[in-house]
Amino acid sequence: MHVSIDSAGRVVVPKQLRDELGLTPATPLEIEIVDGHLELSAPHKPAKLISGPHGPSIAATGTPITDKDVRATLEAIREHR
């Protein structure tokens, strides 16, 4: 997805990405240079189990998932079958 920097140095995060990550106007972000590119990070939110078209899955929150999350997802998938 391509975006531009305006004359004030601002970048607009596209709505689709804001919605997917749950970003709101008040969401604080971290910005840093990683391997020669800019990286924006939202605060860590716990991963959550969601119902999808193919059964339960873990929501893509950008947060590393725990072993507990994986076990809960596997159990939910087994129950879904």
C-alpha atoms as a PDB file:
ATOM      1  CA  MET A   1       0.000   0.000   0.000  1.00  0.00           C
ATOM      2  CA  HIS A   2       1.488   3.341  -0.990  1.00  0.00           C
ATOM      3  CA  VAL A   3       1.106   6.578   0.980  1.00  0.00           C
ATOM      4  CA  SER A   4       2.801   9.964   0.736  1.00  0.00           C
ATOM      5  CA  ILE A   5       4.342  12.381   3.201  1.00  0.00           C
ATOM      6  CA  ASP A   6       2.676  15.810   3.062  1.00  0.00           C
ATOM      7  CA  SER A   7       4.510  19.138   3.297  1.00  0.00           C
ATOM      8  CA  ALA A   8       4.185  19.081   7.110  1.00  0.00           C
ATOM      9  CA  GLY A   9       5.798  15.614   7.272  1.00  0.00           C
ATOM     10  CA  ARG A  10       2.551  13.769   8.036  1.00  0.00           C
ATOM     11  CA  VAL A  11       1.547  10.337   6.766  1.00  0.00           C
ATOM     12  CA  VAL A  12      -2.056   9.121   6.745  1.00  0.00           C
ATOM     13  CA  VAL A  13      -2.507   5.507   7.815  1.00  0.00           C
ATOM     14  CA  PRO A  14      -5.194   4.123   5.461  1.00  0.00           C
ATOM     15  CA  LYS A  15      -8.578   3.390   7.068  1.00  0.00           C
ATOM     16  CA  GLN A  16      -8.403  -0.320   6.226  1.00  0.00           C
ATOM     17  CA  LEU A  17      -5.170  -0.654   8.227  1.00  0.00           C
ATOM     18  CA  ARG A  18      -6.460   1.510  11.105  1.00  0.00           C
ATOM     19  CA  ASP A  19      -9.589  -0.633  11.342  1.00  0.00           C
ATOM     20  CA  GLU A  20      -7.648  -3.904  11.147  1.00  0.00           C
ATOM     21  CA  LEU A  21      -5.317  -2.816  13.951  1.00  0.00           C
ATOM     22  CA  GLY A  22      -7.964  -1.050  16.036  1.00  0.00           C
ATOM     23  CA  LEU A  23      -6.180   2.308  15.808  1.00  0.00           C
ATOM     24  CA  THR A  24      -8.149   5.399  16.832  1.00  0.00           C
ATOM     25  CA  PRO A  25      -7.218   9.092  16.683  1.00  0.00           C
ATOM     26  CA  ALA A  26      -5.940   8.919  20.271  1.00  0.00           C
ATOM     27  CA  THR A  27      -3.800   5.779  19.779  1.00  0.00           C
ATOM     28  CA  PRO A  28      -0.161   6.450  20.694  1.00  0.00           C
ATOM     29  CA  LEU A  29       2.369   5.074  18.220  1.00  0.00           C
ATOM     30  CA  GLU A  30       6.091   4.419  18.398  1.00  0.00           C
ATOM     31  CA  ILE A  31       8.176   5.219  15.315  1.00  0.00           C
ATOM     32  CA  GLU A  32      11.742   4.090  14.760  1.00  0.00           C
ATOM     33  CA  ILE A  33      14.228   3.252  12.045  1.00  0.00           C
ATOM     34  CA  VAL A  34      14.660  -0.505  11.622  1.00  0.00           C
ATOM     35  CA  ASP A  35      17.089  -1.839   9.015  1.00  0.00           C
ATOM     36  CA  GLY A  36      16.925   1.433   7.080  1.00  0.00           C
ATOM     37  CA  HIS A  37      13.132   1.789   7.002  1.00  0.00           C
ATOM     38  CA  LEU A  38      10.515   3.414   9.235  1.00  0.00           C
ATOM     39  CA  GLU A  39       8.518   1.159  11.511  1.00  0.00           C
ATOM     40  CA  LEU A  40       5.352   2.235  13.325  1.00  0.00           C
ATOM     41  CA  SER A  41       4.251   0.198  16.324  1.00  0.00           C
ATOM     42  CA  ALA A  42       0.973   0.358  18.184  1.00  0.00           C
ATOM     43  CA  PRO A  43       0.852  -0.448  21.880  1.00  0.00           C
ATOM     44  CA  HIS A  44       0.686  -4.160  22.587  1.00  0.00           C
ATOM     45  CA  LYS A  45      -2.796  -5.516  23.004  1.00  0.00           C
ATOM     46  CA  PRO A  46      -3.465  -9.071  24.067  1.00  0.00           C
ATOM     47  CA  ALA A  47      -4.139 -11.420  21.167  1.00  0.00           C
ATOM     48  CA  LYS A  48      -7.751 -12.474  21.005  1.00  0.00           C
ATOM     49  CA  LEU A  49      -9.644 -15.455  19.710  1.00  0.00           C
ATOM     50  CA  ILE A  50     -12.119 -14.637  16.928  1.00  0.00           C
ATOM     51  CA  SER A  51     -14.577 -16.656  14.869  1.00  0.00           C
ATOM     52  CA  GLY A  52     -13.664 -16.795  11.209  1.00  0.00           C
ATOM     53  CA  PRO A  53     -15.106 -18.441   8.116  1.00  0.00           C
ATOM     54  CA  HIS A  54     -12.921 -21.511   8.717  1.00  0.00           C
ATOM     55  CA  GLY A  55     -13.454 -21.699  12.466  1.00  0.00           C
ATOM     56  CA  PRO A  56     -11.739 -19.952  15.351  1.00  0.00           C
ATOM     57  CA  SER A  57      -8.440 -18.153  14.849  1.00  0.00           C
ATOM     58  CA  ILE A  58      -6.255 -15.626  16.610  1.00  0.00           C
ATOM     59  CA  ALA A  59      -6.843 -12.003  15.579  1.00  0.00           C
ATOM     60  CA  ALA A  60      -3.949 -10.302  13.819  1.00  0.00           C
ATOM     61  CA  THR A  61      -3.165  -7.639  16.405  1.00  0.00           C
ATOM     62  CA  GLY A  62       0.545  -7.331  15.750  1.00  0.00           C
ATOM     63  CA  THR A  63       1.174  -8.659  19.231  1.00  0.00           C
ATOM     64  CA  PRO A  64       3.173 -11.848  19.719  1.00  0.00           C
ATOM     65  CA  ILE A  65       0.897 -14.665  20.824  1.00  0.00           C
ATOM     66  CA  THR A  66       1.564 -16.800  23.863  1.00  0.00           C
ATOM     67  CA  ASP A  67       1.595 -20.570  24.267  1.00  0.00           C
ATOM     68  CA  LYS A  68      -1.681 -20.167  26.167  1.00  0.00           C
ATOM     69  CA  ASP A  69      -3.230 -18.404  23.129  1.00  0.00           C
ATOM     70  CA  VAL A  70      -2.110 -21.213  20.817  1.00  0.00           C
ATOM     71  CA  ARG A  71      -3.505 -23.906  23.134  1.00  0.00           C
ATOM     72  CA  ALA A  72      -6.836 -22.060  23.463  1.00  0.00           C
ATOM     73  CA  THR A  73      -7.089 -21.738  19.677  1.00  0.00           C
ATOM     74  CA  LEU A  74      -6.302 -25.410  19.118  1.00  0.00           C
ATOM     75  CA  GLU A  75      -8.929 -26.409  21.674  1.00  0.00           C
ATOM     76  CA  ALA A  76     -11.515 -24.111  20.074  1.00  0.00           C
ATOM     77  CA  ILE A  77     -10.754 -25.538  16.620  1.00  0.00           C
ATOM     78  CA  ARG A  78     -11.129 -29.082  17.921  1.00  0.00           C
ATOM     79  CA  GLU A  79     -14.500 -28.174  19.453  1.00  0.00           C
ATOM     80  CA  HIS A  80     -15.580 -26.503  16.191  1.00  0.00           C
ATOM     81  CA  ARG A  81     -15.101 -29.704  14.169  1.00  0.00           C
END
